[in-house]
N, C-alpha and C. Protein backbone atom coordinates (compact mmCIF):
# COMPACT_ATOMS: atom_id res chain seq x y z
N MET A 1 0.84 -1.19 0.00
CA MET A 1 0.00 0.00 0.00
C MET A 1 0.88 1.25 0.00
N LYS A 2 0.33 2.30 -0.54
CA LYS A 2 1.01 3.59 -0.52
C LYS A 2 0.33 4.48 0.52
N PHE A 3 1.13 4.83 1.54
CA PHE A 3 0.63 5.70 2.60
C PHE A 3 1.23 7.09 2.42
N GLY A 4 0.48 8.09 2.80
CA GLY A 4 0.99 9.45 2.82
C GLY A 4 0.92 9.97 4.24
N TYR A 5 1.89 10.78 4.60
CA TYR A 5 1.86 11.41 5.93
C TYR A 5 2.18 12.88 5.78
N LYS A 6 1.37 13.72 6.41
CA LYS A 6 1.57 15.17 6.39
C LYS A 6 1.50 15.70 7.81
N ARG A 7 2.31 16.70 8.07
CA ARG A 7 2.24 17.39 9.36
C ARG A 7 2.09 18.87 9.04
N TYR A 8 0.98 19.42 9.48
CA TYR A 8 0.76 20.86 9.33
C TYR A 8 1.17 21.55 10.61
N LEU A 9 2.01 22.56 10.49
CA LEU A 9 2.47 23.27 11.69
C LEU A 9 1.39 24.19 12.24
N PHE A 10 0.50 24.65 11.39
CA PHE A 10 -0.56 25.55 11.83
C PHE A 10 -1.89 24.94 11.43
N SER A 11 -2.90 25.07 12.28
CA SER A 11 -4.19 24.44 12.01
C SER A 11 -4.87 25.01 10.78
N ASP A 12 -4.53 26.24 10.39
CA ASP A 12 -5.16 26.84 9.22
C ASP A 12 -4.33 26.63 7.95
N SER A 13 -3.38 25.69 7.98
CA SER A 13 -2.56 25.40 6.80
C SER A 13 -3.44 24.88 5.67
N ASP A 14 -3.06 25.19 4.46
CA ASP A 14 -3.82 24.70 3.31
C ASP A 14 -3.24 23.36 2.85
N ASP A 15 -3.78 22.86 1.76
CA ASP A 15 -3.37 21.54 1.27
C ASP A 15 -2.27 21.61 0.22
N THR A 16 -1.36 22.58 0.31
CA THR A 16 -0.30 22.67 -0.69
C THR A 16 0.62 21.45 -0.64
N GLN A 17 0.74 20.82 0.53
CA GLN A 17 1.59 19.63 0.61
C GLN A 17 1.04 18.50 -0.25
N LEU A 18 -0.27 18.46 -0.44
CA LEU A 18 -0.88 17.38 -1.22
C LEU A 18 -0.39 17.35 -2.66
N GLN A 19 -0.08 18.51 -3.22
CA GLN A 19 0.32 18.55 -4.62
C GLN A 19 1.64 17.84 -4.87
N PHE A 20 2.45 17.66 -3.84
CA PHE A 20 3.75 17.01 -4.00
C PHE A 20 3.66 15.49 -3.94
N LEU A 21 2.55 14.97 -3.43
CA LEU A 21 2.46 13.53 -3.20
C LEU A 21 1.75 12.83 -4.36
N PRO A 22 2.18 11.61 -4.69
CA PRO A 22 1.51 10.84 -5.76
C PRO A 22 0.16 10.33 -5.25
N PRO A 23 -0.65 9.71 -6.11
CA PRO A 23 -1.91 9.12 -5.65
C PRO A 23 -1.62 8.07 -4.55
N LEU A 24 -2.36 8.17 -3.45
CA LEU A 24 -2.08 7.32 -2.29
C LEU A 24 -3.30 6.51 -1.90
N ASP A 25 -3.06 5.37 -1.25
CA ASP A 25 -4.16 4.54 -0.76
C ASP A 25 -4.75 5.10 0.53
N ARG A 26 -3.91 5.71 1.35
CA ARG A 26 -4.36 6.24 2.64
C ARG A 26 -3.45 7.39 3.04
N VAL A 27 -4.04 8.44 3.61
CA VAL A 27 -3.28 9.61 4.04
C VAL A 27 -3.53 9.85 5.53
N PHE A 28 -2.46 10.09 6.27
CA PHE A 28 -2.53 10.41 7.69
C PHE A 28 -2.05 11.85 7.88
N VAL A 29 -2.76 12.61 8.71
CA VAL A 29 -2.46 14.02 8.89
C VAL A 29 -2.40 14.36 10.38
N ASP A 30 -1.33 15.06 10.78
CA ASP A 30 -1.22 15.61 12.13
C ASP A 30 -1.14 17.12 12.02
N TYR A 31 -1.69 17.80 13.01
CA TYR A 31 -1.66 19.27 13.05
C TYR A 31 -0.83 19.70 14.25
N GLY A 32 0.12 20.58 14.03
CA GLY A 32 0.96 21.09 15.11
C GLY A 32 2.31 20.41 15.13
N ALA A 33 3.27 21.13 15.67
CA ALA A 33 4.65 20.65 15.66
C ALA A 33 4.85 19.38 16.46
N TYR A 34 4.11 19.21 17.55
CA TYR A 34 4.38 18.07 18.43
C TYR A 34 3.30 17.00 18.38
N GLU A 35 2.29 17.19 17.58
CA GLU A 35 1.23 16.19 17.42
C GLU A 35 1.77 15.04 16.59
N LYS A 36 1.56 13.80 17.03
CA LYS A 36 2.05 12.67 16.25
C LYS A 36 1.15 11.45 16.36
N ASN A 37 -0.11 11.64 16.77
CA ASN A 37 -1.03 10.50 16.90
C ASN A 37 -1.22 9.78 15.59
N GLN A 38 -1.44 10.53 14.51
CA GLN A 38 -1.68 9.90 13.21
C GLN A 38 -0.41 9.24 12.68
N LEU A 39 0.74 9.82 12.97
CA LEU A 39 2.01 9.20 12.59
C LEU A 39 2.13 7.83 13.24
N MET A 40 1.83 7.77 14.53
CA MET A 40 1.92 6.48 15.25
C MET A 40 0.89 5.49 14.70
N ASN A 41 -0.32 5.97 14.39
CA ASN A 41 -1.34 5.09 13.80
C ASN A 41 -0.86 4.52 12.47
N MET A 42 -0.25 5.37 11.65
CA MET A 42 0.25 4.92 10.36
C MET A 42 1.35 3.87 10.55
N ILE A 43 2.29 4.14 11.44
CA ILE A 43 3.38 3.19 11.69
C ILE A 43 2.82 1.85 12.14
N ASN A 44 1.80 1.87 12.98
CA ASN A 44 1.19 0.62 13.45
C ASN A 44 0.55 -0.18 12.32
N GLU A 45 0.04 0.50 11.29
CA GLU A 45 -0.63 -0.18 10.17
C GLU A 45 0.33 -0.68 9.09
N LEU A 46 1.56 -0.23 9.11
CA LEU A 46 2.51 -0.59 8.04
C LEU A 46 2.82 -2.08 8.02
N LYS A 47 3.03 -2.57 6.82
CA LYS A 47 3.42 -3.97 6.61
C LYS A 47 4.62 -4.00 5.65
N ILE A 48 5.26 -5.14 5.57
CA ILE A 48 6.41 -5.30 4.67
C ILE A 48 5.99 -4.97 3.25
N GLY A 49 6.80 -4.15 2.59
CA GLY A 49 6.54 -3.79 1.20
C GLY A 49 5.74 -2.50 1.02
N ASP A 50 5.20 -1.95 2.11
CA ASP A 50 4.46 -0.69 2.01
C ASP A 50 5.41 0.47 1.74
N SER A 51 4.86 1.55 1.23
CA SER A 51 5.64 2.77 0.98
C SER A 51 4.99 3.93 1.71
N VAL A 52 5.84 4.78 2.30
CA VAL A 52 5.37 5.99 2.98
C VAL A 52 5.90 7.17 2.19
N PHE A 53 4.99 8.01 1.73
CA PHE A 53 5.36 9.21 0.98
C PHE A 53 5.15 10.43 1.87
N ILE A 54 6.20 11.23 1.98
CA ILE A 54 6.12 12.46 2.76
C ILE A 54 6.65 13.61 1.92
N GLU A 55 6.17 14.81 2.19
CA GLU A 55 6.59 15.97 1.42
C GLU A 55 8.07 16.25 1.67
N GLY A 56 8.51 16.12 2.91
CA GLY A 56 9.91 16.32 3.28
C GLY A 56 10.23 15.55 4.54
N ILE A 57 11.50 15.26 4.74
CA ILE A 57 11.92 14.44 5.89
C ILE A 57 11.52 15.08 7.22
N VAL A 58 11.41 16.40 7.26
CA VAL A 58 11.07 17.10 8.49
C VAL A 58 9.66 16.75 8.98
N ALA A 59 8.82 16.21 8.11
CA ALA A 59 7.47 15.84 8.53
C ALA A 59 7.48 14.76 9.61
N LEU A 60 8.54 13.99 9.69
CA LEU A 60 8.58 12.87 10.65
C LEU A 60 8.99 13.28 12.05
N GLY A 61 9.42 14.52 12.26
CA GLY A 61 9.77 14.96 13.61
C GLY A 61 10.34 16.35 13.62
N VAL A 62 10.23 17.01 14.77
CA VAL A 62 10.74 18.37 14.88
C VAL A 62 12.15 18.41 15.48
N SER A 63 12.65 17.26 15.86
CA SER A 63 14.03 17.20 16.32
C SER A 63 14.75 16.12 15.52
N ILE A 64 16.06 16.16 15.56
CA ILE A 64 16.85 15.17 14.83
C ILE A 64 16.56 13.78 15.39
N ASN A 65 16.51 13.66 16.71
CA ASN A 65 16.25 12.36 17.33
C ASN A 65 14.87 11.82 16.97
N ALA A 66 13.85 12.69 17.01
CA ALA A 66 12.48 12.26 16.69
C ALA A 66 12.40 11.81 15.24
N THR A 67 12.99 12.58 14.33
CA THR A 67 12.97 12.23 12.91
C THR A 67 13.64 10.88 12.68
N TYR A 68 14.79 10.69 13.30
CA TYR A 68 15.53 9.43 13.15
C TYR A 68 14.73 8.27 13.74
N ARG A 69 14.18 8.47 14.94
CA ARG A 69 13.42 7.42 15.63
C ARG A 69 12.19 7.00 14.81
N HIS A 70 11.44 7.98 14.28
CA HIS A 70 10.25 7.66 13.51
C HIS A 70 10.61 7.01 12.17
N SER A 71 11.68 7.49 11.55
CA SER A 71 12.14 6.87 10.30
C SER A 71 12.51 5.41 10.54
N LEU A 72 13.24 5.18 11.60
CA LEU A 72 13.66 3.82 11.94
C LEU A 72 12.46 2.91 12.21
N ALA A 73 11.44 3.44 12.90
CA ALA A 73 10.24 2.65 13.19
C ALA A 73 9.54 2.23 11.89
N ILE A 74 9.50 3.14 10.92
CA ILE A 74 8.89 2.82 9.63
C ILE A 74 9.69 1.74 8.91
N LEU A 75 11.01 1.90 8.90
CA LEU A 75 11.88 0.93 8.21
C LEU A 75 11.84 -0.44 8.88
N GLU A 76 11.75 -0.46 10.20
CA GLU A 76 11.70 -1.74 10.92
C GLU A 76 10.42 -2.51 10.61
N LYS A 77 9.38 -1.83 10.17
CA LYS A 77 8.14 -2.50 9.76
C LYS A 77 8.27 -3.10 8.36
N GLY A 78 9.38 -2.83 7.68
CA GLY A 78 9.59 -3.36 6.33
C GLY A 78 9.09 -2.43 5.24
N ALA A 79 8.75 -1.21 5.61
CA ALA A 79 8.28 -0.23 4.62
C ALA A 79 9.44 0.64 4.18
N GLU A 80 9.23 1.37 3.08
CA GLU A 80 10.23 2.31 2.62
C GLU A 80 9.65 3.72 2.70
N ILE A 81 10.54 4.70 2.75
CA ILE A 81 10.13 6.10 2.86
C ILE A 81 10.58 6.82 1.60
N TYR A 82 9.68 7.61 1.05
CA TYR A 82 10.07 8.46 -0.08
C TYR A 82 9.80 9.91 0.31
N CYS A 83 10.86 10.71 0.30
CA CYS A 83 10.78 12.14 0.61
C CYS A 83 10.73 12.89 -0.71
N VAL A 84 9.60 13.48 -1.01
CA VAL A 84 9.39 14.12 -2.31
C VAL A 84 10.31 15.33 -2.49
N ARG A 85 10.36 16.23 -1.50
CA ARG A 85 11.16 17.45 -1.63
C ARG A 85 12.63 17.14 -1.85
N GLU A 86 13.15 16.19 -1.08
CA GLU A 86 14.57 15.85 -1.20
C GLU A 86 14.84 14.83 -2.30
N ASP A 87 13.77 14.28 -2.88
CA ASP A 87 13.86 13.25 -3.91
C ASP A 87 14.72 12.07 -3.42
N LEU A 88 14.35 11.54 -2.25
CA LEU A 88 15.11 10.47 -1.60
C LEU A 88 14.23 9.26 -1.33
N PHE A 89 14.77 8.09 -1.59
CA PHE A 89 14.17 6.85 -1.12
C PHE A 89 15.02 6.36 0.04
N ILE A 90 14.37 6.03 1.13
CA ILE A 90 15.07 5.45 2.28
C ILE A 90 14.49 4.05 2.43
N ARG A 91 15.34 3.05 2.16
CA ARG A 91 14.84 1.68 2.12
C ARG A 91 15.31 0.82 3.29
N ASN A 92 16.38 1.20 3.96
CA ASN A 92 16.86 0.41 5.09
C ASN A 92 17.57 1.35 6.08
N PRO A 93 17.78 0.88 7.31
CA PRO A 93 18.38 1.74 8.34
C PRO A 93 19.74 2.32 7.96
N SER A 94 20.52 1.62 7.16
CA SER A 94 21.83 2.17 6.77
C SER A 94 21.67 3.41 5.89
N ASP A 95 20.54 3.52 5.17
CA ASP A 95 20.27 4.72 4.37
C ASP A 95 20.12 5.96 5.24
N LEU A 96 19.71 5.77 6.50
CA LEU A 96 19.52 6.93 7.39
C LEU A 96 20.83 7.67 7.63
N LYS A 97 21.93 6.95 7.65
CA LYS A 97 23.24 7.60 7.83
C LYS A 97 23.55 8.51 6.64
N ILE A 98 23.15 8.06 5.44
CA ILE A 98 23.40 8.83 4.24
C ILE A 98 22.56 10.10 4.23
N VAL A 99 21.31 10.00 4.69
CA VAL A 99 20.41 11.17 4.63
C VAL A 99 20.46 12.02 5.89
N GLU A 100 21.39 11.72 6.77
CA GLU A 100 21.48 12.47 8.04
C GLU A 100 21.63 13.97 7.81
N LYS A 101 22.39 14.37 6.78
CA LYS A 101 22.57 15.80 6.52
C LYS A 101 21.25 16.46 6.12
N PHE A 102 20.37 15.72 5.41
CA PHE A 102 19.06 16.26 5.07
C PHE A 102 18.21 16.43 6.33
N ILE A 103 18.32 15.44 7.23
CA ILE A 103 17.56 15.51 8.48
C ILE A 103 18.01 16.73 9.28
N VAL A 104 19.31 16.90 9.43
CA VAL A 104 19.84 18.04 10.19
C VAL A 104 19.42 19.35 9.55
N ALA A 105 19.55 19.48 8.24
CA ALA A 105 19.18 20.72 7.55
C ALA A 105 17.70 21.00 7.68
N SER A 106 16.87 19.98 7.55
CA SER A 106 15.42 20.16 7.63
C SER A 106 14.98 20.55 9.03
N VAL A 107 15.52 19.87 10.04
CA VAL A 107 15.15 20.19 11.42
C VAL A 107 15.63 21.58 11.78
N HIS A 108 16.80 21.98 11.27
CA HIS A 108 17.29 23.33 11.50
C HIS A 108 16.30 24.35 10.94
N GLY A 109 15.71 24.04 9.79
CA GLY A 109 14.70 24.92 9.19
C GLY A 109 13.47 25.04 10.06
N VAL A 110 13.07 23.95 10.73
CA VAL A 110 11.93 23.99 11.64
C VAL A 110 12.25 24.89 12.83
N SER A 111 13.49 24.83 13.34
CA SER A 111 13.88 25.70 14.45
C SER A 111 13.76 27.15 14.06
N GLU A 112 14.19 27.47 12.82
CA GLU A 112 14.06 28.85 12.35
C GLU A 112 12.59 29.25 12.24
N LEU A 113 11.74 28.33 11.77
CA LEU A 113 10.32 28.60 11.66
C LEU A 113 9.71 28.82 13.04
N ARG A 114 10.13 28.03 14.02
CA ARG A 114 9.63 28.18 15.38
C ARG A 114 10.01 29.55 15.93
N GLN A 115 11.28 29.96 15.70
CA GLN A 115 11.72 31.27 16.16
C GLN A 115 10.94 32.38 15.48
N LEU A 116 10.64 32.22 14.21
CA LEU A 116 9.85 33.20 13.48
C LEU A 116 8.46 33.32 14.10
N GLY A 117 7.86 32.20 14.45
CA GLY A 117 6.55 32.20 15.09
C GLY A 117 6.58 32.87 16.44
N ILE A 118 7.63 32.63 17.22
CA ILE A 118 7.76 33.27 18.53
C ILE A 118 7.91 34.77 18.39
N SER A 119 8.76 35.21 17.45
CA SER A 119 8.95 36.65 17.28
C SER A 119 7.67 37.32 16.79
N GLU A 120 6.90 36.63 15.94
CA GLU A 120 5.62 37.17 15.48
C GLU A 120 4.65 37.28 16.65
N ALA A 121 4.62 36.28 17.51
CA ALA A 121 3.75 36.32 18.69
C ALA A 121 4.16 37.43 19.65
N LYS A 122 5.47 37.66 19.79
CA LYS A 122 5.93 38.75 20.64
C LYS A 122 5.48 40.10 20.11
N LYS A 123 5.55 40.26 18.77
CA LYS A 123 5.09 41.51 18.16
C LYS A 123 3.62 41.75 18.47
N ASN A 124 2.82 40.69 18.45
CA ASN A 124 1.39 40.80 18.71
C ASN A 124 1.06 40.74 20.20
N LYS A 125 2.11 40.73 21.02
CA LYS A 125 1.98 40.69 22.48
C LYS A 125 1.19 39.47 22.97
N LYS A 126 1.37 38.35 22.28
CA LYS A 126 0.70 37.11 22.65
C LYS A 126 1.67 36.11 23.28
N PHE A 127 2.95 36.38 23.19
CA PHE A 127 3.96 35.45 23.71
C PHE A 127 4.36 35.89 25.11
N LYS A 128 4.14 35.02 26.06
CA LYS A 128 4.47 35.35 27.44
C LYS A 128 5.66 34.55 27.95
N GLY A 129 6.13 33.62 27.16
CA GLY A 129 7.24 32.78 27.59
C GLY A 129 6.78 31.69 28.54
N ARG A 130 7.72 30.89 28.96
CA ARG A 130 7.41 29.80 29.87
C ARG A 130 7.26 30.32 31.29
N LYS A 131 6.35 29.76 32.04
CA LYS A 131 6.17 30.15 33.43
C LYS A 131 7.35 29.61 34.24
N PRO A 132 7.80 30.37 35.26
CA PRO A 132 8.90 29.87 36.09
C PRO A 132 8.51 28.57 36.79
N LEU A 133 9.48 27.68 36.92
CA LEU A 133 9.23 26.41 37.59
C LEU A 133 9.01 26.59 39.10
N PHE A 134 9.73 27.55 39.68
CA PHE A 134 9.69 27.72 41.12
C PHE A 134 9.53 29.20 41.46
N SER A 135 8.89 29.46 42.58
CA SER A 135 8.76 30.84 43.01
C SER A 135 10.08 31.28 43.63
N GLU A 136 10.34 32.58 43.59
CA GLU A 136 11.57 33.10 44.18
C GLU A 136 11.58 32.84 45.69
N GLU A 137 10.40 32.85 46.32
CA GLU A 137 10.31 32.61 47.77
C GLU A 137 10.81 31.20 48.11
N LEU A 138 10.43 30.22 47.30
CA LEU A 138 10.88 28.84 47.53
C LEU A 138 12.40 28.76 47.40
N ILE A 139 12.94 29.41 46.37
CA ILE A 139 14.38 29.38 46.15
C ILE A 139 15.11 30.04 47.31
N LYS A 140 14.60 31.18 47.79
CA LYS A 140 15.24 31.86 48.91
C LYS A 140 15.19 31.02 50.17
N ASN A 141 14.08 30.31 50.40
CA ASN A 141 13.97 29.44 51.58
C ASN A 141 14.99 28.32 51.53
N ILE A 142 15.22 27.78 50.34
CA ILE A 142 16.22 26.72 50.21
C ILE A 142 17.60 27.30 50.48
N ASN A 143 17.84 28.51 49.98
CA ASN A 143 19.12 29.17 50.19
C ASN A 143 19.38 29.38 51.69
N VAL A 144 18.36 29.76 52.41
CA VAL A 144 18.50 30.00 53.86
C VAL A 144 18.91 28.73 54.58
N GLN A 145 18.54 27.59 54.03
CA GLN A 145 18.90 26.33 54.67
C GLN A 145 20.40 26.04 54.58
N GLY A 146 21.14 26.84 53.84
CA GLY A 146 22.59 26.68 53.76
C GLY A 146 23.05 25.49 52.92
N LEU A 147 22.30 25.12 51.91
CA LEU A 147 22.68 24.00 51.05
C LEU A 147 23.68 24.45 50.00
N THR A 148 24.44 23.51 49.49
CA THR A 148 25.34 23.81 48.38
C THR A 148 24.52 23.92 47.10
N LYS A 149 25.14 24.44 46.06
CA LYS A 149 24.45 24.57 44.78
C LYS A 149 24.04 23.20 44.25
N ARG A 150 24.91 22.24 44.42
CA ARG A 150 24.61 20.87 43.97
C ARG A 150 23.40 20.32 44.74
N GLN A 151 23.34 20.57 46.04
CA GLN A 151 22.22 20.09 46.85
C GLN A 151 20.92 20.79 46.46
N ILE A 152 21.02 22.08 46.14
CA ILE A 152 19.83 22.82 45.68
C ILE A 152 19.32 22.20 44.37
N ALA A 153 20.24 21.92 43.46
CA ALA A 153 19.86 21.33 42.17
C ALA A 153 19.18 19.98 42.38
N ARG A 154 19.72 19.16 43.24
CA ARG A 154 19.12 17.85 43.51
C ARG A 154 17.74 18.00 44.13
N LYS A 155 17.63 18.91 45.10
CA LYS A 155 16.37 19.08 45.81
C LYS A 155 15.27 19.59 44.88
N LEU A 156 15.60 20.52 44.00
CA LEU A 156 14.62 21.10 43.08
C LEU A 156 14.47 20.29 41.79
N LYS A 157 15.36 19.29 41.60
CA LYS A 157 15.37 18.46 40.39
C LYS A 157 15.58 19.33 39.15
N ILE A 158 16.57 20.20 39.24
CA ILE A 158 16.99 21.04 38.12
C ILE A 158 18.49 20.88 37.95
N SER A 159 19.02 21.40 36.86
CA SER A 159 20.45 21.26 36.62
C SER A 159 21.24 22.28 37.43
N ILE A 160 22.51 21.98 37.65
CA ILE A 160 23.39 22.89 38.37
C ILE A 160 23.54 24.21 37.61
N PRO A 161 23.68 24.20 36.26
CA PRO A 161 23.73 25.48 35.54
C PRO A 161 22.50 26.37 35.78
N THR A 162 21.32 25.74 35.96
CA THR A 162 20.12 26.52 36.24
C THR A 162 20.23 27.18 37.61
N VAL A 163 20.78 26.47 38.57
CA VAL A 163 21.00 27.06 39.90
C VAL A 163 21.94 28.26 39.78
N TYR A 164 23.03 28.09 39.02
CA TYR A 164 23.96 29.20 38.81
C TYR A 164 23.27 30.38 38.13
N LYS A 165 22.36 30.08 37.20
CA LYS A 165 21.62 31.14 36.52
C LYS A 165 20.78 31.93 37.53
N TYR A 166 20.14 31.21 38.46
CA TYR A 166 19.37 31.89 39.49
C TYR A 166 20.27 32.80 40.34
N PHE A 167 21.49 32.36 40.59
CA PHE A 167 22.43 33.19 41.34
C PHE A 167 22.79 34.46 40.56
N THR A 168 23.11 34.29 39.27
CA THR A 168 23.51 35.46 38.49
C THR A 168 22.37 36.44 38.28
N GLN A 169 21.13 35.94 38.29
CA GLN A 169 19.97 36.82 38.14
C GLN A 169 19.58 37.46 39.47
N GLY A 170 20.27 37.07 40.53
CA GLY A 170 19.97 37.65 41.84
C GLY A 170 18.77 37.04 42.53
N LYS A 171 18.25 35.95 41.97
CA LYS A 171 17.10 35.28 42.59
C LYS A 171 17.50 34.53 43.85
N ILE A 172 18.78 34.14 43.89
CA ILE A 172 19.34 33.50 45.07
C ILE A 172 20.53 34.34 45.50
N THR A 173 20.61 34.60 46.79
CA THR A 173 21.75 35.38 47.27
C THR A 173 22.93 34.47 47.48
N SER A 174 24.15 35.03 47.51
CA SER A 174 25.36 34.21 47.58
C SER A 174 25.40 33.40 48.86
N GLN A 175 26.11 32.30 48.79
CA GLN A 175 26.23 31.37 49.90
C GLN A 175 27.70 31.22 50.26
N ASP A 176 27.92 30.69 51.44
CA ASP A 176 29.29 30.39 51.85
C ASP A 176 29.78 29.13 51.17
N LYS A 177 28.86 28.18 50.94
CA LYS A 177 29.25 26.90 50.36
C LYS A 177 29.14 26.95 48.85
N ASP A 178 29.85 26.07 48.17
CA ASP A 178 29.73 25.90 46.72
C ASP A 178 29.33 24.49 46.49
């Protein structure tokens, strides 16, 4: 069978991706950068000899690891992947090493697109950023306990560089211990 998979980054995306794909037996569509329910459904339905057609390799994931992992899952089912934009057939796991530069370049393009979306949201005053994990009061209380930076990181389940960042931002006052 010939399967198609598309990922629309925005819910109001049009069907321009469809023009790149050949006639298909079944098409799976996910909306949003991190949505992958239909991708997983498609992978579950794949059988040996099936073909998966995608507009570009970036459709399989927004990170290099996700793209590689999903590509490998498709190949392990005995299916092949055809990337229309890159004009690539990926038929076995060793092919993934060859197309790694396409994966890196494509995922890098998604990062640029994400940054463009964030800057557009900031212009429209809709981007508020991520909420802080901890209140400054909690951090100061931990500091008063006289713990080392490593102990603070363990207690809060954050990295040591994040603890240092809190120090440089003045959210935590200096300590005697390191």
